[in-house]
Amino acid sequence: MSALGRHVLAEFYGCSAEILNDMQKIERTMVDAALEAGSEIREVAFHKFSPQGVSGVIVISESHLTIHTWPELGYAAVDVFTCGTKVDPWVSCNYLKEHLAAERLTAQEIARGIFDDEASVKAANF
């Protein structure tokens, strides 16, 4: 089975509330996570919510990384979607686990754009 991309849906628990509420730190950490995996960054956009929380996206040539934080819960939801074979999304996830000071990471990988199995393509068309 070949796919166009790999999409990792990651959940980080037990993170530092201080880190999760610091927009500049989250942005720098996400950029560094993308670069660590060998991505080519195209655009960066982040927003700080009041009273707390940060959301952001890193658009990369290979697709994107996104984050949404809940500092009050020590929780962050992250997507790392990469296309091609050059960038491994798990490198970014492991980098984020360390730099968000997460106690626990749960994640699943979804293959995106599978075309060599005609049945899979038909099943997805409604």
PDB file of N, CA and C in Angstrom:
ATOM      1  N   MET A   1       0.844  -1.176   0.000  1.00  0.00           N
ATOM      2  CA  MET A   1       0.000   0.000   0.000  1.00  0.00           C
ATOM      3  C   MET A   1       0.893   1.245   0.000  1.00  0.00           C
ATOM      4  N   SER A   2       0.707   2.101  -0.969  1.00  0.00           N
ATOM      5  CA  SER A   2       1.440   3.359  -0.974  1.00  0.00           C
ATOM      6  C   SER A   2       0.456   4.487  -0.712  1.00  0.00           C
ATOM      7  N   ALA A   3       0.942   5.538  -0.074  1.00  0.00           N
ATOM      8  CA  ALA A   3       0.098   6.675   0.266  1.00  0.00           C
ATOM      9  C   ALA A   3       0.811   7.955  -0.118  1.00  0.00           C
ATOM     10  N   LEU A   4       0.037   8.996  -0.331  1.00  0.00           N
ATOM     11  CA  LEU A   4       0.616  10.306  -0.626  1.00  0.00           C
ATOM     12  C   LEU A   4       1.203  10.953   0.614  1.00  0.00           C
ATOM     13  N   GLY A   5       0.600  10.643   1.768  1.00  0.00           N
ATOM     14  CA  GLY A   5       1.068  11.293   2.973  1.00  0.00           C
ATOM     15  C   GLY A   5       0.825  10.487   4.227  1.00  0.00           C
ATOM     16  N   ARG A   6       1.468  10.954   5.298  1.00  0.00           N
ATOM     17  CA  ARG A   6       1.335  10.352   6.625  1.00  0.00           C
ATOM     18  C   ARG A   6       0.802  11.443   7.553  1.00  0.00           C
ATOM     19  N   HIS A   7      -0.281  11.140   8.246  1.00  0.00           N
ATOM     20  CA  HIS A   7      -0.910  12.128   9.122  1.00  0.00           C
ATOM     21  C   HIS A   7      -0.930  11.555  10.541  1.00  0.00           C
ATOM     22  N   VAL A   8      -0.154  12.170  11.423  1.00  0.00           N
ATOM     23  CA  VAL A   8      -0.111  11.729  12.817  1.00  0.00           C
ATOM     24  C   VAL A   8      -0.986  12.664  13.638  1.00  0.00           C
ATOM     25  N   LEU A   9      -1.951  12.074  14.341  1.00  0.00           N
ATOM     26  CA  LEU A   9      -2.812  12.789  15.271  1.00  0.00           C
ATOM     27  C   LEU A   9      -2.288  12.475  16.663  1.00  0.00           C
ATOM     28  N   ALA A  10      -1.742  13.500  17.326  1.00  0.00           N
ATOM     29  CA  ALA A  10      -1.047  13.290  18.594  1.00  0.00           C
ATOM     30  C   ALA A  10      -1.708  14.074  19.718  1.00  0.00           C
ATOM     31  N   GLU A  11      -1.728  13.456  20.891  1.00  0.00           N
ATOM     32  CA  GLU A  11      -2.254  14.096  22.089  1.00  0.00           C
ATOM     33  C   GLU A  11      -1.173  14.046  23.162  1.00  0.00           C
ATOM     34  N   PHE A  12      -0.887  15.213  23.716  1.00  0.00           N
ATOM     35  CA  PHE A  12       0.158  15.356  24.716  1.00  0.00           C
ATOM     36  C   PHE A  12      -0.490  15.683  26.062  1.00  0.00           C
ATOM     37  N   TYR A  13      -0.211  14.870  27.058  1.00  0.00           N
ATOM     38  CA  TYR A  13      -0.815  15.017  28.391  1.00  0.00           C
ATOM     39  C   TYR A  13       0.272  15.335  29.420  1.00  0.00           C
ATOM     40  N   GLY A  14      -0.144  16.025  30.477  1.00  0.00           N
ATOM     41  CA  GLY A  14       0.786  16.328  31.564  1.00  0.00           C
ATOM     42  C   GLY A  14       1.852  17.324  31.169  1.00  0.00           C
ATOM     43  N   CYS A  15       1.523  18.223  30.252  1.00  0.00           N
ATOM     44  CA  CYS A  15       2.472  19.237  29.791  1.00  0.00           C
ATOM     45  C   CYS A  15       2.546  20.395  30.784  1.00  0.00           C
ATOM     46  N   SER A  16       3.602  21.152  30.686  1.00  0.00           N
ATOM     47  CA  SER A  16       3.772  22.354  31.482  1.00  0.00           C
ATOM     48  C   SER A  16       2.742  23.400  31.060  1.00  0.00           C
ATOM     49  N   ALA A  17       1.911  23.855  32.011  1.00  0.00           N
ATOM     50  CA  ALA A  17       0.918  24.887  31.725  1.00  0.00           C
ATOM     51  C   ALA A  17       1.593  26.177  31.283  1.00  0.00           C
ATOM     52  N   GLU A  18       2.729  26.480  31.857  1.00  0.00           N
ATOM     53  CA  GLU A  18       3.458  27.694  31.505  1.00  0.00           C
ATOM     54  C   GLU A  18       3.899  27.663  30.037  1.00  0.00           C
ATOM     55  N   ILE A  19       4.411  26.537  29.605  1.00  0.00           N
ATOM     56  CA  ILE A  19       4.827  26.398  28.206  1.00  0.00           C
ATOM     57  C   ILE A  19       3.618  26.486  27.287  1.00  0.00           C
ATOM     58  N   LEU A  20       2.540  25.776  27.631  1.00  0.00           N
ATOM     59  CA  LEU A  20       1.368  25.725  26.759  1.00  0.00           C
ATOM     60  C   LEU A  20       0.668  27.066  26.613  1.00  0.00           C
ATOM     61  N   ASN A  21       0.911  27.985  27.526  1.00  0.00           N
ATOM     62  CA  ASN A  21       0.255  29.286  27.469  1.00  0.00           C
ATOM     63  C   ASN A  21       1.169  30.384  26.921  1.00  0.00           C
ATOM     64  N   ASP A  22       2.369  30.027  26.514  1.00  0.00           N
ATOM     65  CA  ASP A  22       3.350  30.993  26.016  1.00  0.00           C
ATOM     66  C   ASP A  22       3.397  30.900  24.488  1.00  0.00           C
ATOM     67  N   MET A  23       2.733  31.840  23.827  1.00  0.00           N
ATOM     68  CA  MET A  23       2.610  31.770  22.374  1.00  0.00           C
ATOM     69  C   MET A  23       3.974  31.773  21.678  1.00  0.00           C
ATOM     70  N   GLN A  24       4.885  32.620  22.111  1.00  0.00           N
ATOM     71  CA  GLN A  24       6.188  32.677  21.458  1.00  0.00           C
ATOM     72  C   GLN A  24       6.942  31.355  21.618  1.00  0.00           C
ATOM     73  N   LYS A  25       6.850  30.759  22.804  1.00  0.00           N
ATOM     74  CA  LYS A  25       7.538  29.482  23.044  1.00  0.00           C
ATOM     75  C   LYS A  25       6.893  28.370  22.208  1.00  0.00           C
ATOM     76  N   ILE A  26       5.567  28.345  22.152  1.00  0.00           N
ATOM     77  CA  ILE A  26       4.877  27.326  21.354  1.00  0.00           C
ATOM     78  C   ILE A  26       5.247  27.480  19.879  1.00  0.00           C
ATOM     79  N   GLU A  27       5.229  28.711  19.388  1.00  0.00           N
ATOM     80  CA  GLU A  27       5.583  28.947  17.987  1.00  0.00           C
ATOM     81  C   GLU A  27       7.008  28.493  17.693  1.00  0.00           C
ATOM     82  N   ARG A  28       7.952  28.868  18.542  1.00  0.00           N
ATOM     83  CA  ARG A  28       9.355  28.482  18.336  1.00  0.00           C
ATOM     84  C   ARG A  28       9.505  26.961  18.395  1.00  0.00           C
ATOM     85  N   THR A  29       8.817  26.325  19.329  1.00  0.00           N
ATOM     86  CA  THR A  29       8.898  24.873  19.478  1.00  0.00           C
ATOM     87  C   THR A  29       8.318  24.158  18.267  1.00  0.00           C
ATOM     88  N   MET A  30       7.207  24.645  17.751  1.00  0.00           N
ATOM     89  CA  MET A  30       6.601  24.037  16.566  1.00  0.00           C
ATOM     90  C   MET A  30       7.489  24.222  15.336  1.00  0.00           C
ATOM     91  N   VAL A  31       8.041  25.408  15.168  1.00  0.00           N
ATOM     92  CA  VAL A  31       8.961  25.653  14.053  1.00  0.00           C
ATOM     93  C   VAL A  31      10.158  24.713  14.162  1.00  0.00           C
ATOM     94  N   ASP A  32      10.725  24.618  15.358  1.00  0.00           N
ATOM     95  CA  ASP A  32      11.878  23.738  15.558  1.00  0.00           C
ATOM     96  C   ASP A  32      11.525  22.273  15.321  1.00  0.00           C
ATOM     97  N   ALA A  33      10.311  21.861  15.700  1.00  0.00           N
ATOM     98  CA  ALA A  33       9.873  20.475  15.471  1.00  0.00           C
ATOM     99  C   ALA A  33       9.791  20.187  13.976  1.00  0.00           C
ATOM    100  N   ALA A  34       9.303  21.151  13.210  1.00  0.00           N
ATOM    101  CA  ALA A  34       9.232  20.986  11.757  1.00  0.00           C
ATOM    102  C   ALA A  34      10.635  20.899  11.156  1.00  0.00           C
ATOM    103  N   LEU A  35      11.511  21.788  11.589  1.00  0.00           N
ATOM    104  CA  LEU A  35      12.880  21.794  11.070  1.00  0.00           C
ATOM    105  C   LEU A  35      13.647  20.540  11.468  1.00  0.00           C
ATOM    106  N   GLU A  36      13.426  20.073  12.678  1.00  0.00           N
ATOM    107  CA  GLU A  36      14.094  18.858  13.174  1.00  0.00           C
ATOM    108  C   GLU A  36      13.802  17.661  12.268  1.00  0.00           C
ATOM    109  N   ALA A  37      12.581  17.624  11.722  1.00  0.00           N
ATOM    110  CA  ALA A  37      12.178  16.519  10.843  1.00  0.00           C
ATOM    111  C   ALA A  37      12.627  16.730   9.399  1.00  0.00           C
ATOM    112  N   GLY A  38      13.222  17.887   9.108  1.00  0.00           N
ATOM    113  CA  GLY A  38      13.699  18.151   7.759  1.00  0.00           C
ATOM    114  C   GLY A  38      12.691  18.854   6.868  1.00  0.00           C
ATOM    115  N   SER A  39      11.654  19.432   7.456  1.00  0.00           N
ATOM    116  CA  SER A  39      10.633  20.136   6.679  1.00  0.00           C
ATOM    117  C   SER A  39      11.127  21.478   6.175  1.00  0.00           C
ATOM    118  N   GLU A  40      10.486  21.946   5.118  1.00  0.00           N
ATOM    119  CA  GLU A  40      10.749  23.274   4.571  1.00  0.00           C
ATOM    120  C   GLU A  40       9.561  24.168   4.921  1.00  0.00           C
ATOM    121  N   ILE A  41       9.778  25.154   5.779  1.00  0.00           N
ATOM    122  CA  ILE A  41       8.700  26.005   6.280  1.00  0.00           C
ATOM    123  C   ILE A  41       8.324  27.061   5.250  1.00  0.00           C
ATOM    124  N   ARG A  42       7.000  27.228   5.055  1.00  0.00           N
ATOM    125  CA  ARG A  42       6.457  28.208   4.116  1.00  0.00           C
ATOM    126  C   ARG A  42       5.757  29.365   4.827  1.00  0.00           C
ATOM    127  N   GLU A  43       4.893  29.063   5.818  1.00  0.00           N
ATOM    128  CA  GLU A  43       4.111  30.080   6.530  1.00  0.00           C
ATOM    129  C   GLU A  43       3.967  29.676   7.988  1.00  0.00           C
ATOM    130  N   VAL A  44       3.829  30.677   8.855  1.00  0.00           N
ATOM    131  CA  VAL A  44       3.653  30.445  10.284  1.00  0.00           C
ATOM    132  C   VAL A  44       2.561  31.392  10.781  1.00  0.00           C
ATOM    133  N   ALA A  45       1.562  30.862  11.485  1.00  0.00           N
ATOM    134  CA  ALA A  45       0.497  31.703  12.053  1.00  0.00           C
ATOM    135  C   ALA A  45       0.079  31.135  13.404  1.00  0.00           C
ATOM    136  N   PHE A  46       0.090  31.992  14.432  1.00  0.00           N
ATOM    137  CA  PHE A  46      -0.284  31.585  15.786  1.00  0.00           C
ATOM    138  C   PHE A  46      -1.198  32.629  16.416  1.00  0.00           C
ATOM    139  N   HIS A  47      -2.042  32.165  17.337  1.00  0.00           N
ATOM    140  CA  HIS A  47      -2.965  33.051  18.039  1.00  0.00           C
ATOM    141  C   HIS A  47      -2.994  32.686  19.519  1.00  0.00           C
ATOM    142  N   LYS A  48      -2.941  33.701  20.378  1.00  0.00           N
ATOM    143  CA  LYS A  48      -3.044  33.531  21.837  1.00  0.00           C
ATOM    144  C   LYS A  48      -4.468  33.872  22.237  1.00  0.00           C
ATOM    145  N   PHE A  49      -5.122  32.970  22.956  1.00  0.00           N
ATOM    146  CA  PHE A  49      -6.481  33.184  23.429  1.00  0.00           C
ATOM    147  C   PHE A  49      -6.466  33.800  24.816  1.00  0.00           C
ATOM    148  N   SER A  50      -7.563  34.462  25.174  1.00  0.00           N
ATOM    149  CA  SER A  50      -7.714  35.030  26.508  1.00  0.00           C
ATOM    150  C   SER A  50      -8.854  34.296  27.196  1.00  0.00           C
ATOM    151  N   PRO A  51      -8.664  33.763  28.363  1.00  0.00           N
ATOM    152  CA  PRO A  51      -7.544  34.030  29.247  1.00  0.00           C
ATOM    153  C   PRO A  51      -6.347  33.103  29.034  1.00  0.00           C
ATOM    154  N   GLN A  52      -6.510  32.023  28.269  1.00  0.00           N
ATOM    155  CA  GLN A  52      -5.386  31.111  28.093  1.00  0.00           C
ATOM    156  C   GLN A  52      -5.560  30.251  26.853  1.00  0.00           C
ATOM    157  N   GLY A  53      -4.454  29.674  26.410  1.00  0.00           N
ATOM    158  CA  GLY A  53      -4.464  28.770  25.269  1.00  0.00           C
ATOM    159  C   GLY A  53      -3.848  29.384  24.033  1.00  0.00           C
ATOM    160  N   VAL A  54      -3.301  28.522  23.192  1.00  0.00           N
ATOM    161  CA  VAL A  54      -2.636  28.925  21.961  1.00  0.00           C
ATOM    162  C   VAL A  54      -3.056  27.960  20.855  1.00  0.00           C
ATOM    163  N   SER A  55      -3.281  28.499  19.668  1.00  0.00           N
ATOM    164  CA  SER A  55      -3.492  27.679  18.474  1.00  0.00           C
ATOM    165  C   SER A  55      -2.551  28.176  17.398  1.00  0.00           C
ATOM    166  N   GLY A  56      -2.074  27.259  16.575  1.00  0.00           N
ATOM    167  CA  GLY A  56      -1.182  27.688  15.513  1.00  0.00           C
ATOM    168  C   GLY A  56      -1.000  26.655  14.435  1.00  0.00           C
ATOM    169  N   VAL A  57      -0.467  27.138  13.327  1.00  0.00           N
ATOM    170  CA  VAL A  57      -0.195  26.277  12.178  1.00  0.00           C
ATOM    171  C   VAL A  57       1.152  26.645  11.571  1.00  0.00           C
ATOM    172  N   ILE A  58       1.876  25.624  11.192  1.00  0.00           N
ATOM    173  CA  ILE A  58       3.105  25.766  10.419  1.00  0.00           C
ATOM    174  C   ILE A  58       2.807  25.114   9.072  1.00  0.00           C
ATOM    175  N   VAL A  59       2.787  25.908   8.019  1.00  0.00           N
ATOM    176  CA  VAL A  59       2.604  25.363   6.679  1.00  0.00           C
ATOM    177  C   VAL A  59       3.992  25.020   6.163  1.00  0.00           C
ATOM    178  N   ILE A  60       4.153  23.767   5.785  1.00  0.00           N
ATOM    179  CA  ILE A  60       5.433  23.287   5.267  1.00  0.00           C
ATOM    180  C   ILE A  60       5.236  22.834   3.820  1.00  0.00           C
ATOM    181  N   SER A  61       6.301  22.785   3.073  1.00  0.00           N
ATOM    182  CA  SER A  61       6.197  22.312   1.689  1.00  0.00           C
ATOM    183  C   SER A  61       5.577  20.923   1.642  1.00  0.00           C
ATOM    184  N   GLU A  62       5.814  20.141   2.682  1.00  0.00           N
ATOM    185  CA  GLU A  62       5.345  18.758   2.728  1.00  0.00           C
ATOM    186  C   GLU A  62       3.920  18.638   3.281  1.00  0.00           C
ATOM    187  N   SER A  63       3.333  19.681   3.835  1.00  0.00           N
ATOM    188  CA  SER A  63       1.940  19.788   4.287  1.00  0.00           C
ATOM    189  C   SER A  63       1.838  20.733   5.478  1.00  0.00           C
ATOM    190  N   HIS A  64       1.640  20.209   6.725  1.00  0.00           N
ATOM    191  CA  HIS A  64       1.461  21.136   7.845  1.00  0.00           C
ATOM    192  C   HIS A  64       1.651  20.484   9.214  1.00  0.00           C
ATOM    193  N   LEU A  65       1.857  21.352  10.202  1.00  0.00           N
ATOM    194  CA  LEU A  65       1.801  20.980  11.621  1.00  0.00           C
ATOM    195  C   LEU A  65       0.833  21.961  12.269  1.00  0.00           C
ATOM    196  N   THR A  66      -0.063  21.466  13.134  1.00  0.00           N
ATOM    197  CA  THR A  66      -0.968  22.342  13.873  1.00  0.00           C
ATOM    198  C   THR A  66      -0.944  21.970  15.351  1.00  0.00           C
ATOM    199  N   ILE A  67      -1.297  22.956  16.188  1.00  0.00           N
ATOM    200  CA  ILE A  67      -1.377  22.726  17.630  1.00  0.00           C
ATOM    201  C   ILE A  67      -2.528  23.543  18.211  1.00  0.00           C
ATOM    202  N   HIS A  68      -3.175  22.972  19.212  1.00  0.00           N
ATOM    203  CA  HIS A  68      -4.183  23.652  20.026  1.00  0.00           C
ATOM    204  C   HIS A  68      -3.869  23.263  21.465  1.00  0.00           C
ATOM    205  N   THR A  69      -3.731  24.267  22.353  1.00  0.00           N
ATOM    206  CA  THR A  69      -3.345  23.962  23.733  1.00  0.00           C
ATOM    207  C   THR A  69      -4.440  24.319  24.722  1.00  0.00           C
ATOM    208  N   TRP A  70      -4.493  23.550  25.781  1.00  0.00           N
ATOM    209  CA  TRP A  70      -5.347  23.782  26.938  1.00  0.00           C
ATOM    210  C   TRP A  70      -4.434  23.791  28.163  1.00  0.00           C
ATOM    211  N   PRO A  71      -3.816  24.936  28.464  1.00  0.00           N
ATOM    212  CA  PRO A  71      -2.860  24.995  29.576  1.00  0.00           C
ATOM    213  C   PRO A  71      -3.461  24.554  30.905  1.00  0.00           C
ATOM    214  N   GLU A  72      -4.727  24.915  31.140  1.00  0.00           N
ATOM    215  CA  GLU A  72      -5.380  24.565  32.400  1.00  0.00           C
ATOM    216  C   GLU A  72      -5.519  23.058  32.591  1.00  0.00           C
ATOM    217  N   LEU A  73      -5.422  22.300  31.509  1.00  0.00           N
ATOM    218  CA  LEU A  73      -5.506  20.835  31.569  1.00  0.00           C
ATOM    219  C   LEU A  73      -4.154  20.171  31.306  1.00  0.00           C
ATOM    220  N   GLY A  74      -3.144  20.960  30.988  1.00  0.00           N
ATOM    221  CA  GLY A  74      -1.840  20.393  30.652  1.00  0.00           C
ATOM    222  C   GLY A  74      -1.880  19.563  29.389  1.00  0.00           C
ATOM    223  N   TYR A  75      -2.752  19.943  28.451  1.00  0.00           N
ATOM    224  CA  TYR A  75      -3.041  19.129  27.271  1.00  0.00           C
ATOM    225  C   TYR A  75      -2.806  19.920  25.986  1.00  0.00           C
ATOM    226  N   ALA A  76      -2.270  19.243  24.979  1.00  0.00           N
ATOM    227  CA  ALA A  76      -2.120  19.815  23.643  1.00  0.00           C
ATOM    228  C   ALA A  76      -2.509  18.778  22.600  1.00  0.00           C
ATOM    229  N   ALA A  77      -3.275  19.225  21.601  1.00  0.00           N
ATOM    230  CA  ALA A  77      -3.632  18.390  20.450  1.00  0.00           C
ATOM    231  C   ALA A  77      -2.796  18.859  19.269  1.00  0.00           C
ATOM    232  N   VAL A  78      -2.128  17.919  18.607  1.00  0.00           N
ATOM    233  CA  VAL A  78      -1.204  18.255  17.518  1.00  0.00           C
ATOM    234  C   VAL A  78      -1.479  17.354  16.323  1.00  0.00           C
ATOM    235  N   ASP A  79      -1.446  17.944  15.134  1.00  0.00           N
ATOM    236  CA  ASP A  79      -1.473  17.191  13.875  1.00  0.00           C
ATOM    237  C   ASP A  79      -0.149  17.436  13.167  1.00  0.00           C
ATOM    238  N   VAL A  80       0.437  16.375  12.667  1.00  0.00           N
ATOM    239  CA  VAL A  80       1.625  16.495  11.821  1.00  0.00           C
ATOM    240  C   VAL A  80       1.323  15.701  10.551  1.00  0.00           C
ATOM    241  N   PHE A  81       1.153  16.424   9.459  1.00  0.00           N
ATOM    242  CA  PHE A  81       0.806  15.817   8.174  1.00  0.00           C
ATOM    243  C   PHE A  81       1.965  16.077   7.217  1.00  0.00           C
ATOM    244  N   THR A  82       2.570  15.005   6.713  1.00  0.00           N
ATOM    245  CA  THR A  82       3.685  15.135   5.771  1.00  0.00           C
ATOM    246  C   THR A  82       3.409  14.306   4.528  1.00  0.00           C
ATOM    247  N   CYS A  83       3.783  14.840   3.397  1.00  0.00           N
ATOM    248  CA  CYS A  83       3.654  14.132   2.131  1.00  0.00           C
ATOM    249  C   CYS A  83       5.049  13.782   1.627  1.00  0.00           C
ATOM    250  N   GLY A  84       5.115  12.734   0.849  1.00  0.00           N
ATOM    251  CA  GLY A  84       6.409  12.297   0.322  1.00  0.00           C
ATOM    252  C   GLY A  84       7.138  11.424   1.329  1.00  0.00           C
ATOM    253  N   THR A  85       8.397  11.176   1.055  1.00  0.00           N
ATOM    254  CA  THR A  85       9.179  10.274   1.902  1.00  0.00           C
ATOM    255  C   THR A  85      10.299  10.973   2.651  1.00  0.00           C
ATOM    256  N   LYS A  86      10.498  12.256   2.405  1.00  0.00           N
ATOM    257  CA  LYS A  86      11.629  12.983   2.978  1.00  0.00           C
ATOM    258  C   LYS A  86      11.461  13.275   4.470  1.00  0.00           C
ATOM    259  N   VAL A  87      10.239  13.558   4.915  1.00  0.00           N
ATOM    260  CA  VAL A  87       9.992  14.021   6.279  1.00  0.00           C
ATOM    261  C   VAL A  87       9.223  12.961   7.067  1.00  0.00           C
ATOM    262  N   ASP A  88       9.729  12.608   8.248  1.00  0.00           N
ATOM    263  CA  ASP A  88       9.087  11.638   9.132  1.00  0.00           C
ATOM    264  C   ASP A  88       8.313  12.397  10.211  1.00  0.00           C
ATOM    265  N   PRO A  89       6.979  12.320  10.231  1.00  0.00           N
ATOM    266  CA  PRO A  89       6.199  13.072  11.205  1.00  0.00           C
ATOM    267  C   PRO A  89       6.486  12.678  12.654  1.00  0.00           C
ATOM    268  N   TRP A  90       6.958  11.467  12.869  1.00  0.00           N
ATOM    269  CA  TRP A  90       7.246  11.011  14.230  1.00  0.00           C
ATOM    270  C   TRP A  90       8.445  11.745  14.832  1.00  0.00           C
ATOM    271  N   VAL A  91       9.355  12.221  13.995  1.00  0.00           N
ATOM    272  CA  VAL A  91      10.483  13.010  14.493  1.00  0.00           C
ATOM    273  C   VAL A  91       9.939  14.275  15.154  1.00  0.00           C
ATOM    274  N   SER A  92       8.998  14.935  14.502  1.00  0.00           N
ATOM    275  CA  SER A  92       8.383  16.137  15.076  1.00  0.00           C
ATOM    276  C   SER A  92       7.626  15.814  16.361  1.00  0.00           C
ATOM    277  N   CYS A  93       6.878  14.727  16.368  1.00  0.00           N
ATOM    278  CA  CYS A  93       6.101  14.347  17.563  1.00  0.00           C
ATOM    279  C   CYS A  93       7.018  14.085  18.759  1.00  0.00           C
ATOM    280  N   ASN A  94       8.078  13.363  18.541  1.00  0.00           N
ATOM    281  CA  ASN A  94       9.009  13.068  19.634  1.00  0.00           C
ATOM    282  C   ASN A  94       9.700  14.336  20.129  1.00  0.00           C
ATOM    283  N   TYR A  95      10.024  15.222  19.214  1.00  0.00           N
ATOM    284  CA  TYR A  95      10.620  16.509  19.589  1.00  0.00           C
ATOM    285  C   TYR A  95       9.635  17.290  20.462  1.00  0.00           C
ATOM    286  N   LEU A  96       8.376  17.320  20.054  1.00  0.00           N
ATOM    287  CA  LEU A  96       7.358  18.055  20.811  1.00  0.00           C
ATOM    288  C   LEU A  96       7.130  17.453  22.199  1.00  0.00           C
ATOM    289  N   LYS A  97       7.142  16.138  22.307  1.00  0.00           N
ATOM    290  CA  LYS A  97       6.952  15.505  23.616  1.00  0.00           C
ATOM    291  C   LYS A  97       7.992  16.014  24.599  1.00  0.00           C
ATOM    292  N   GLU A  98       9.220  16.052  24.150  1.00  0.00           N
ATOM    293  CA  GLU A  98      10.304  16.528  25.017  1.00  0.00           C
ATOM    294  C   GLU A  98      10.166  18.016  25.345  1.00  0.00           C
ATOM    295  N   HIS A  99       9.893  18.829  24.333  1.00  0.00           N
ATOM    296  CA  HIS A  99       9.929  20.279  24.529  1.00  0.00           C
ATOM    297  C   HIS A  99       8.637  20.871  25.097  1.00  0.00           C
ATOM    298  N   LEU A 100       7.549  20.108  25.096  1.00  0.00           N
ATOM    299  CA  LEU A 100       6.341  20.529  25.804  1.00  0.00           C
ATOM    300  C   LEU A 100       6.343  19.995  27.229  1.00  0.00           C
ATOM    301  N   ALA A 101       7.394  19.249  27.572  1.00  0.00           N
ATOM    302  CA  ALA A 101       7.537  18.610  28.883  1.00  0.00           C
ATOM    303  C   ALA A 101       6.332  17.721  29.174  1.00  0.00           C
ATOM    304  N   ALA A 102       5.915  16.959  28.163  1.00  0.00           N
ATOM    305  CA  ALA A 102       4.753  16.084  28.294  1.00  0.00           C
ATOM    306  C   ALA A 102       5.104  14.822  29.076  1.00  0.00           C
ATOM    307  N   GLU A 103       4.210  14.455  29.959  1.00  0.00           N
ATOM    308  CA  GLU A 103       4.372  13.188  30.682  1.00  0.00           C
ATOM    309  C   GLU A 103       4.010  12.002  29.800  1.00  0.00           C
ATOM    310  N   ARG A 104       3.053  12.239  28.877  1.00  0.00           N
ATOM    311  CA  ARG A 104       2.546  11.127  28.071  1.00  0.00           C
ATOM    312  C   ARG A 104       2.128  11.626  26.698  1.00  0.00           C
ATOM    313  N   LEU A 105       2.389  10.812  25.700  1.00  0.00           N
ATOM    314  CA  LEU A 105       1.991  11.067  24.316  1.00  0.00           C
ATOM    315  C   LEU A 105       1.213   9.866  23.818  1.00  0.00           C
ATOM    316  N   THR A 106       0.027  10.116  23.269  1.00  0.00           N
ATOM    317  CA  THR A 106      -0.692   9.068  22.541  1.00  0.00           C
ATOM    318  C   THR A 106      -0.877   9.575  21.124  1.00  0.00           C
ATOM    319  N   ALA A 107      -0.758   8.677  20.154  1.00  0.00           N
ATOM    320  CA  ALA A 107      -0.846   9.114  18.762  1.00  0.00           C
ATOM    321  C   ALA A 107      -1.251   7.962  17.870  1.00  0.00           C
ATOM    322  N   GLN A 108      -1.804   8.348  16.742  1.00  0.00           N
ATOM    323  CA  GLN A 108      -2.096   7.366  15.705  1.00  0.00           C
ATOM    324  C   GLN A 108      -1.705   7.954  14.361  1.00  0.00           C
ATOM    325  N   GLU A 109      -1.263   7.093  13.468  1.00  0.00           N
ATOM    326  CA  GLU A 109      -0.884   7.526  12.130  1.00  0.00           C
ATOM    327  C   GLU A 109      -1.920   7.045  11.135  1.00  0.00           C
ATOM    328  N   ILE A 110      -2.303   7.957  10.252  1.00  0.00           N
ATOM    329  CA  ILE A 110      -3.267   7.643   9.199  1.00  0.00           C
ATOM    330  C   ILE A 110      -2.583   7.852   7.859  1.00  0.00           C
ATOM    331  N   ALA A 111      -2.670   6.855   6.996  1.00  0.00           N
ATOM    332  CA  ALA A 111      -2.147   6.993   5.636  1.00  0.00           C
ATOM    333  C   ALA A 111      -3.162   7.802   4.838  1.00  0.00           C
ATOM    334  N   ARG A 112      -2.691   8.843   4.162  1.00  0.00           N
ATOM    335  CA  ARG A 112      -3.577   9.716   3.387  1.00  0.00           C
ATOM    336  C   ARG A 112      -3.301   9.542   1.901  1.00  0.00           C
ATOM    337  N   GLY A 113      -4.363   9.563   1.094  1.00  0.00           N
ATOM    338  CA  GLY A 113      -4.216   9.505  -0.350  1.00  0.00           C
ATOM    339  C   GLY A 113      -3.760   8.164  -0.863  1.00  0.00           C
ATOM    340  N   ILE A 114      -4.479   7.108  -0.490  1.00  0.00           N
ATOM    341  CA  ILE A 114      -4.138   5.759  -0.953  1.00  0.00           C
ATOM    342  C   ILE A 114      -4.880   5.516  -2.268  1.00  0.00           C
ATOM    343  N   PHE A 115      -4.132   5.295  -3.344  1.00  0.00           N
ATOM    344  CA  PHE A 115      -4.748   5.125  -4.653  1.00  0.00           C
ATOM    345  C   PHE A 115      -4.575   3.742  -5.253  1.00  0.00           C
ATOM    346  N   ASP A 116      -3.716   2.904  -4.684  1.00  0.00           N
ATOM    347  CA  ASP A 116      -3.467   1.617  -5.319  1.00  0.00           C
ATOM    348  C   ASP A 116      -4.468   0.541  -4.888  1.00  0.00           C
ATOM    349  N   ASP A 117      -5.365   0.851  -3.989  1.00  0.00           N
ATOM    350  CA  ASP A 117      -6.401  -0.087  -3.581  1.00  0.00           C
ATOM    351  C   ASP A 117      -7.750   0.522  -3.991  1.00  0.00           C
ATOM    352  N   GLU A 118      -8.248   0.125  -5.135  1.00  0.00           N
ATOM    353  CA  GLU A 118      -9.470   0.716  -5.698  1.00  0.00           C
ATOM    354  C   GLU A 118     -10.648   0.604  -4.718  1.00  0.00           C
ATOM    355  N   ALA A 119     -10.724  -0.476  -3.959  1.00  0.00           N
ATOM    356  CA  ALA A 119     -11.821  -0.646  -3.005  1.00  0.00           C
ATOM    357  C   ALA A 119     -11.784   0.436  -1.934  1.00  0.00           C
ATOM    358  N   SER A 120     -10.591   0.793  -1.473  1.00  0.00           N
ATOM    359  CA  SER A 120     -10.461   1.837  -0.451  1.00  0.00           C
ATOM    360  C   SER A 120     -10.937   3.179  -0.985  1.00  0.00           C
ATOM    361  N   VAL A 121     -10.607   3.452  -2.241  1.00  0.00           N
ATOM    362  CA  VAL A 121     -11.017   4.715  -2.850  1.00  0.00           C
ATOM    363  C   VAL A 121     -12.528   4.757  -2.993  1.00  0.00           C
ATOM    364  N   LYS A 122     -13.127   3.658  -3.462  1.00  0.00           N
ATOM    365  CA  LYS A 122     -14.583   3.607  -3.634  1.00  0.00           C
ATOM    366  C   LYS A 122     -15.302   3.754  -2.301  1.00  0.00           C
ATOM    367  N   ALA A 123     -14.793   3.118  -1.262  1.00  0.00           N
ATOM    368  CA  ALA A 123     -15.431   3.173   0.053  1.00  0.00           C
ATOM    369  C   ALA A 123     -15.470   4.587   0.609  1.00  0.00           C
ATOM    370  N   ALA A 124     -14.505   5.411   0.214  1.00  0.00           N
ATOM    371  CA  ALA A 124     -14.433   6.766   0.731  1.00  0.00           C
ATOM    372  C   ALA A 124     -15.318   7.739  -0.058  1.00  0.00           C
ATOM    373  N   ASN A 125     -15.797   7.334  -1.220  1.00  0.00           N
ATOM    374  CA  ASN A 125     -16.635   8.215  -2.036  1.00  0.00           C
ATOM    375  C   ASN A 125     -18.102   8.011  -1.684  1.00  0.00           C
ATOM    376  N   PHE A 126     -18.730   9.045  -1.185  1.00  0.00           N
ATOM    377  CA  PHE A 126     -20.131   8.937  -0.750  1.00  0.00           C
ATOM    378  C   PHE A 126     -21.063   9.473  -1.797  1.00  0.00           C
TER     379      PHE A 126
END
